[in-house]
């Protein structure tokens, strides 16, 4: 077998080994966090901005899939005037909203 082919196989083996270790680490750390503690996520943004809505939806997805006890706090850093999507979503989804 040529040196080049051996090098390519070694790289694939290293990447595969890293992937397995990383996956095991994620599973163990997520399980320990669920069993032994709680997590809190604080989001900062303008509640009238569409980006804030996307942030809240992503945080809700994380809470639903990984951390059922995740406490989400949204801190309003904008004016809060107008159609405040974040405030409305926070009221419906058990998210603490701070102005």
N, C-alpha and C. Protein backbone atom coordinates (compact mmCIF):
# COMPACT_ATOMS: atom_id res chain seq x y z
N UNK A 1 0.86 -1.17 0.00
CA UNK A 1 0.00 0.00 0.00
C UNK A 1 0.91 1.24 0.00
N UNK A 2 0.54 2.22 -0.79
CA UNK A 2 1.38 3.41 -0.91
C UNK A 2 1.28 4.28 0.35
N UNK A 3 2.24 5.14 0.49
CA UNK A 3 2.29 6.05 1.64
C UNK A 3 1.11 7.01 1.61
N UNK A 4 0.76 7.45 0.41
CA UNK A 4 -0.37 8.37 0.28
C UNK A 4 -1.67 7.72 0.75
N UNK A 5 -1.90 6.50 0.32
CA UNK A 5 -3.12 5.79 0.73
C UNK A 5 -3.14 5.54 2.24
N UNK A 6 -1.99 5.23 2.81
CA UNK A 6 -1.91 5.04 4.26
C UNK A 6 -2.22 6.34 4.99
N UNK A 7 -1.73 7.45 4.45
CA UNK A 7 -2.00 8.75 5.07
C UNK A 7 -3.49 9.09 5.01
N UNK A 8 -4.12 8.82 3.88
CA UNK A 8 -5.55 9.09 3.74
C UNK A 8 -6.35 8.23 4.72
N UNK A 9 -6.01 6.96 4.83
CA UNK A 9 -6.70 6.09 5.77
C UNK A 9 -6.50 6.53 7.21
N UNK A 10 -5.30 7.02 7.53
CA UNK A 10 -5.02 7.50 8.88
C UNK A 10 -5.87 8.73 9.21
N UNK A 11 -6.03 9.61 8.23
CA UNK A 11 -6.86 10.80 8.44
C UNK A 11 -8.31 10.40 8.66
N UNK A 12 -8.84 9.49 7.85
CA UNK A 12 -10.21 9.02 8.04
C UNK A 12 -10.39 8.36 9.40
N UNK A 13 -9.42 7.60 9.83
CA UNK A 13 -9.51 6.95 11.14
C UNK A 13 -9.52 7.98 12.26
N UNK A 14 -8.68 9.00 12.13
CA UNK A 14 -8.63 10.04 13.16
C UNK A 14 -9.94 10.82 13.22
N UNK A 15 -10.49 11.16 12.08
CA UNK A 15 -11.76 11.89 12.04
C UNK A 15 -12.88 11.03 12.63
N UNK A 16 -12.90 9.76 12.29
CA UNK A 16 -13.92 8.87 12.84
C UNK A 16 -13.80 8.73 14.34
N UNK A 17 -12.59 8.59 14.85
CA UNK A 17 -12.36 8.48 16.29
C UNK A 17 -12.80 9.75 17.01
N UNK A 18 -12.47 10.91 16.44
CA UNK A 18 -12.88 12.18 17.03
C UNK A 18 -14.40 12.29 17.05
N UNK A 19 -15.05 11.89 15.98
CA UNK A 19 -16.51 11.97 15.90
C UNK A 19 -17.17 11.11 16.97
N UNK A 20 -16.66 9.91 17.15
CA UNK A 20 -17.22 9.02 18.18
C UNK A 20 -17.04 9.62 19.56
N UNK A 21 -15.84 10.12 19.86
CA UNK A 21 -15.60 10.72 21.18
C UNK A 21 -16.48 11.95 21.40
N UNK A 22 -16.62 12.77 20.39
CA UNK A 22 -17.43 13.98 20.51
C UNK A 22 -18.91 13.63 20.75
N UNK A 23 -19.42 12.65 20.06
CA UNK A 23 -20.81 12.22 20.23
C UNK A 23 -21.05 11.68 21.64
N UNK A 24 -20.14 10.85 22.12
CA UNK A 24 -20.27 10.30 23.47
C UNK A 24 -20.23 11.43 24.50
N UNK A 25 -19.34 12.38 24.32
CA UNK A 25 -19.25 13.52 25.24
C UNK A 25 -20.56 14.31 25.26
N UNK A 26 -21.14 14.58 24.09
CA UNK A 26 -22.40 15.32 24.04
C UNK A 26 -23.53 14.57 24.74
N UNK A 27 -23.60 13.27 24.53
CA UNK A 27 -24.66 12.47 25.16
C UNK A 27 -24.51 12.48 26.67
N UNK A 28 -23.29 12.27 27.15
CA UNK A 28 -23.06 12.23 28.60
C UNK A 28 -23.31 13.59 29.24
N UNK A 29 -22.81 14.65 28.64
CA UNK A 29 -22.98 15.98 29.24
C UNK A 29 -24.44 16.40 29.23
N UNK A 30 -25.17 16.11 28.17
CA UNK A 30 -26.60 16.46 28.13
C UNK A 30 -27.38 15.67 29.16
N UNK A 31 -27.08 14.41 29.32
CA UNK A 31 -27.79 13.57 30.29
C UNK A 31 -27.49 14.03 31.72
N UNK A 32 -26.23 14.37 32.00
CA UNK A 32 -25.89 14.84 33.35
C UNK A 32 -26.56 16.16 33.67
N UNK A 33 -26.64 17.04 32.68
CA UNK A 33 -27.29 18.32 32.91
C UNK A 33 -28.77 18.13 33.17
N UNK A 34 -29.40 17.20 32.46
CA UNK A 34 -30.82 16.93 32.69
C UNK A 34 -31.06 16.33 34.06
N UNK A 35 -30.17 15.47 34.52
CA UNK A 35 -30.39 14.77 35.78
C UNK A 35 -30.01 15.59 37.00
N UNK A 36 -28.92 16.35 36.92
CA UNK A 36 -28.36 16.96 38.12
C UNK A 36 -28.48 18.47 38.20
N UNK A 37 -29.04 19.10 37.25
CA UNK A 37 -29.09 20.54 37.36
C UNK A 37 -30.06 21.14 36.38
N UNK A 38 -30.06 22.43 36.38
CA UNK A 38 -30.91 23.13 35.45
C UNK A 38 -30.05 24.06 34.61
N UNK A 39 -30.59 24.45 33.51
CA UNK A 39 -29.88 25.36 32.62
C UNK A 39 -30.73 26.61 32.44
N UNK A 40 -30.06 27.71 32.22
CA UNK A 40 -30.75 28.97 31.99
C UNK A 40 -30.15 29.63 30.76
N UNK A 41 -31.01 30.11 29.89
CA UNK A 41 -30.58 30.78 28.67
C UNK A 41 -31.13 32.19 28.69
N UNK A 42 -30.25 33.17 28.52
CA UNK A 42 -30.67 34.57 28.49
C UNK A 42 -30.45 35.10 27.08
N UNK A 43 -31.51 35.62 26.50
CA UNK A 43 -31.46 36.18 25.15
C UNK A 43 -31.61 37.69 25.25
N UNK A 44 -30.82 38.41 24.48
CA UNK A 44 -30.90 39.87 24.43
C UNK A 44 -31.30 40.26 23.01
N UNK A 45 -32.26 41.17 22.89
CA UNK A 45 -32.64 41.60 21.56
C UNK A 45 -33.76 42.61 21.58
N UNK A 46 -34.08 43.12 20.40
CA UNK A 46 -35.19 44.03 20.21
C UNK A 46 -36.42 43.18 19.94
N UNK A 47 -37.40 43.26 20.80
CA UNK A 47 -38.58 42.42 20.69
C UNK A 47 -39.39 42.65 19.43
N UNK A 48 -39.21 43.79 18.78
CA UNK A 48 -39.93 44.10 17.56
C UNK A 48 -39.21 43.58 16.32
N UNK A 49 -38.01 43.07 16.49
CA UNK A 49 -37.20 42.60 15.38
C UNK A 49 -37.49 41.12 15.09
N UNK A 50 -37.47 40.75 13.83
CA UNK A 50 -37.72 39.36 13.44
C UNK A 50 -36.61 38.42 13.91
N UNK A 51 -35.42 38.94 14.09
CA UNK A 51 -34.30 38.12 14.58
C UNK A 51 -34.60 37.61 15.98
N UNK A 52 -35.22 38.43 16.80
CA UNK A 52 -35.58 38.00 18.15
C UNK A 52 -36.58 36.86 18.12
N UNK A 53 -37.51 36.90 17.19
CA UNK A 53 -38.46 35.81 17.06
C UNK A 53 -37.74 34.51 16.70
N UNK A 54 -36.78 34.59 15.80
CA UNK A 54 -36.01 33.39 15.43
C UNK A 54 -35.20 32.87 16.60
N UNK A 55 -34.62 33.77 17.40
CA UNK A 55 -33.87 33.35 18.58
C UNK A 55 -34.77 32.62 19.58
N UNK A 56 -35.94 33.16 19.80
CA UNK A 56 -36.87 32.54 20.75
C UNK A 56 -37.33 31.18 20.24
N UNK A 57 -37.64 31.09 18.96
CA UNK A 57 -38.05 29.79 18.39
C UNK A 57 -36.93 28.75 18.51
N UNK A 58 -35.69 29.17 18.27
CA UNK A 58 -34.56 28.24 18.41
C UNK A 58 -34.39 27.80 19.87
N UNK A 59 -34.55 28.74 20.80
CA UNK A 59 -34.44 28.40 22.22
C UNK A 59 -35.55 27.44 22.64
N UNK A 60 -36.75 27.65 22.12
CA UNK A 60 -37.86 26.74 22.43
C UNK A 60 -37.61 25.34 21.86
N UNK A 61 -37.01 25.29 20.69
CA UNK A 61 -36.68 23.99 20.09
C UNK A 61 -35.65 23.26 20.93
N UNK A 62 -34.65 23.99 21.43
CA UNK A 62 -33.62 23.39 22.29
C UNK A 62 -34.26 22.88 23.58
N UNK A 63 -35.17 23.69 24.15
CA UNK A 63 -35.83 23.26 25.39
C UNK A 63 -36.66 21.99 25.14
N UNK A 64 -37.36 21.95 24.04
CA UNK A 64 -38.22 20.80 23.74
C UNK A 64 -37.40 19.54 23.45
N UNK A 65 -36.28 19.67 22.73
CA UNK A 65 -35.51 18.49 22.32
C UNK A 65 -34.50 18.02 23.35
N UNK A 66 -33.85 18.95 24.04
CA UNK A 66 -32.71 18.56 24.87
C UNK A 66 -32.89 18.81 26.36
N UNK A 67 -33.34 20.00 26.73
CA UNK A 67 -33.39 20.39 28.14
C UNK A 67 -34.80 20.79 28.52
N UNK A 68 -35.54 19.84 29.05
CA UNK A 68 -36.94 20.11 29.36
C UNK A 68 -37.11 21.17 30.45
N UNK A 69 -36.13 21.32 31.31
CA UNK A 69 -36.24 22.30 32.38
C UNK A 69 -35.52 23.61 32.10
N UNK A 70 -35.22 23.87 30.84
CA UNK A 70 -34.47 25.08 30.47
C UNK A 70 -35.28 26.33 30.78
N UNK A 71 -34.69 27.23 31.56
CA UNK A 71 -35.32 28.52 31.86
C UNK A 71 -34.84 29.52 30.82
N UNK A 72 -35.77 30.14 30.13
CA UNK A 72 -35.43 31.10 29.08
C UNK A 72 -35.84 32.49 29.55
N UNK A 73 -34.91 33.43 29.45
CA UNK A 73 -35.18 34.82 29.80
C UNK A 73 -34.87 35.68 28.59
N UNK A 74 -35.79 36.55 28.21
CA UNK A 74 -35.57 37.48 27.11
C UNK A 74 -35.45 38.88 27.69
N UNK A 75 -34.34 39.55 27.40
CA UNK A 75 -34.11 40.90 27.90
C UNK A 75 -34.27 41.87 26.73
N UNK A 76 -35.21 42.78 26.86
CA UNK A 76 -35.51 43.75 25.81
C UNK A 76 -34.44 44.85 25.83
N UNK A 77 -33.74 45.02 24.72
CA UNK A 77 -32.72 46.08 24.63
C UNK A 77 -33.12 47.16 23.63
N UNK A 78 -34.26 46.96 22.99
CA UNK A 78 -34.75 47.96 22.04
C UNK A 78 -35.76 48.87 22.71
N UNK A 79 -36.50 49.58 21.90
CA UNK A 79 -37.50 50.51 22.44
C UNK A 79 -38.73 49.77 22.96
N UNK A 80 -39.04 48.62 22.38
CA UNK A 80 -40.21 47.87 22.81
C UNK A 80 -41.51 48.44 22.28
N UNK A 81 -41.41 49.44 21.44
CA UNK A 81 -42.60 50.07 20.87
C UNK A 81 -42.96 49.38 19.57
N UNK A 82 -44.23 49.38 19.25
CA UNK A 82 -44.69 48.73 18.02
C UNK A 82 -45.19 47.33 18.31
N UNK A 83 -45.17 46.49 17.29
CA UNK A 83 -45.64 45.11 17.44
C UNK A 83 -44.51 44.28 18.06
N UNK A 84 -44.60 44.07 19.36
CA UNK A 84 -43.55 43.38 20.09
C UNK A 84 -43.81 41.87 20.07
N UNK A 85 -43.18 41.21 19.12
CA UNK A 85 -43.37 39.77 18.92
C UNK A 85 -42.81 38.99 20.11
N UNK A 86 -41.65 39.41 20.61
CA UNK A 86 -40.99 38.68 21.70
C UNK A 86 -41.85 38.69 22.97
N UNK A 87 -42.47 39.81 23.27
CA UNK A 87 -43.30 39.90 24.46
C UNK A 87 -44.51 38.97 24.34
N UNK A 88 -45.10 38.94 23.17
CA UNK A 88 -46.26 38.07 22.94
C UNK A 88 -45.86 36.59 23.04
N UNK A 89 -44.74 36.22 22.43
CA UNK A 89 -44.28 34.83 22.49
C UNK A 89 -43.90 34.43 23.91
N UNK A 90 -43.28 35.35 24.63
CA UNK A 90 -42.87 35.06 26.01
C UNK A 90 -44.08 34.77 26.89
N UNK A 91 -45.14 35.49 26.68
CA UNK A 91 -46.34 35.28 27.48
C UNK A 91 -46.96 33.90 27.20
N UNK A 92 -46.89 33.45 25.96
CA UNK A 92 -47.50 32.17 25.60
C UNK A 92 -46.62 30.97 25.92
N UNK A 93 -45.29 31.14 25.95
CA UNK A 93 -44.38 30.00 26.01
C UNK A 93 -43.62 29.86 27.33
N UNK A 94 -44.06 30.49 28.39
CA UNK A 94 -43.41 30.38 29.70
C UNK A 94 -41.96 30.85 29.64
N UNK A 95 -41.78 32.06 29.10
CA UNK A 95 -40.47 32.69 29.01
C UNK A 95 -40.54 33.98 29.83
N UNK A 96 -39.51 34.21 30.64
CA UNK A 96 -39.44 35.44 31.43
C UNK A 96 -39.04 36.58 30.50
N UNK A 97 -39.82 37.65 30.52
CA UNK A 97 -39.58 38.80 29.65
C UNK A 97 -39.23 40.00 30.53
N UNK A 98 -38.07 40.59 30.31
CA UNK A 98 -37.61 41.74 31.08
C UNK A 98 -37.46 42.94 30.16
N UNK A 99 -38.02 44.06 30.60
CA UNK A 99 -37.90 45.29 29.80
C UNK A 99 -36.77 46.12 30.29
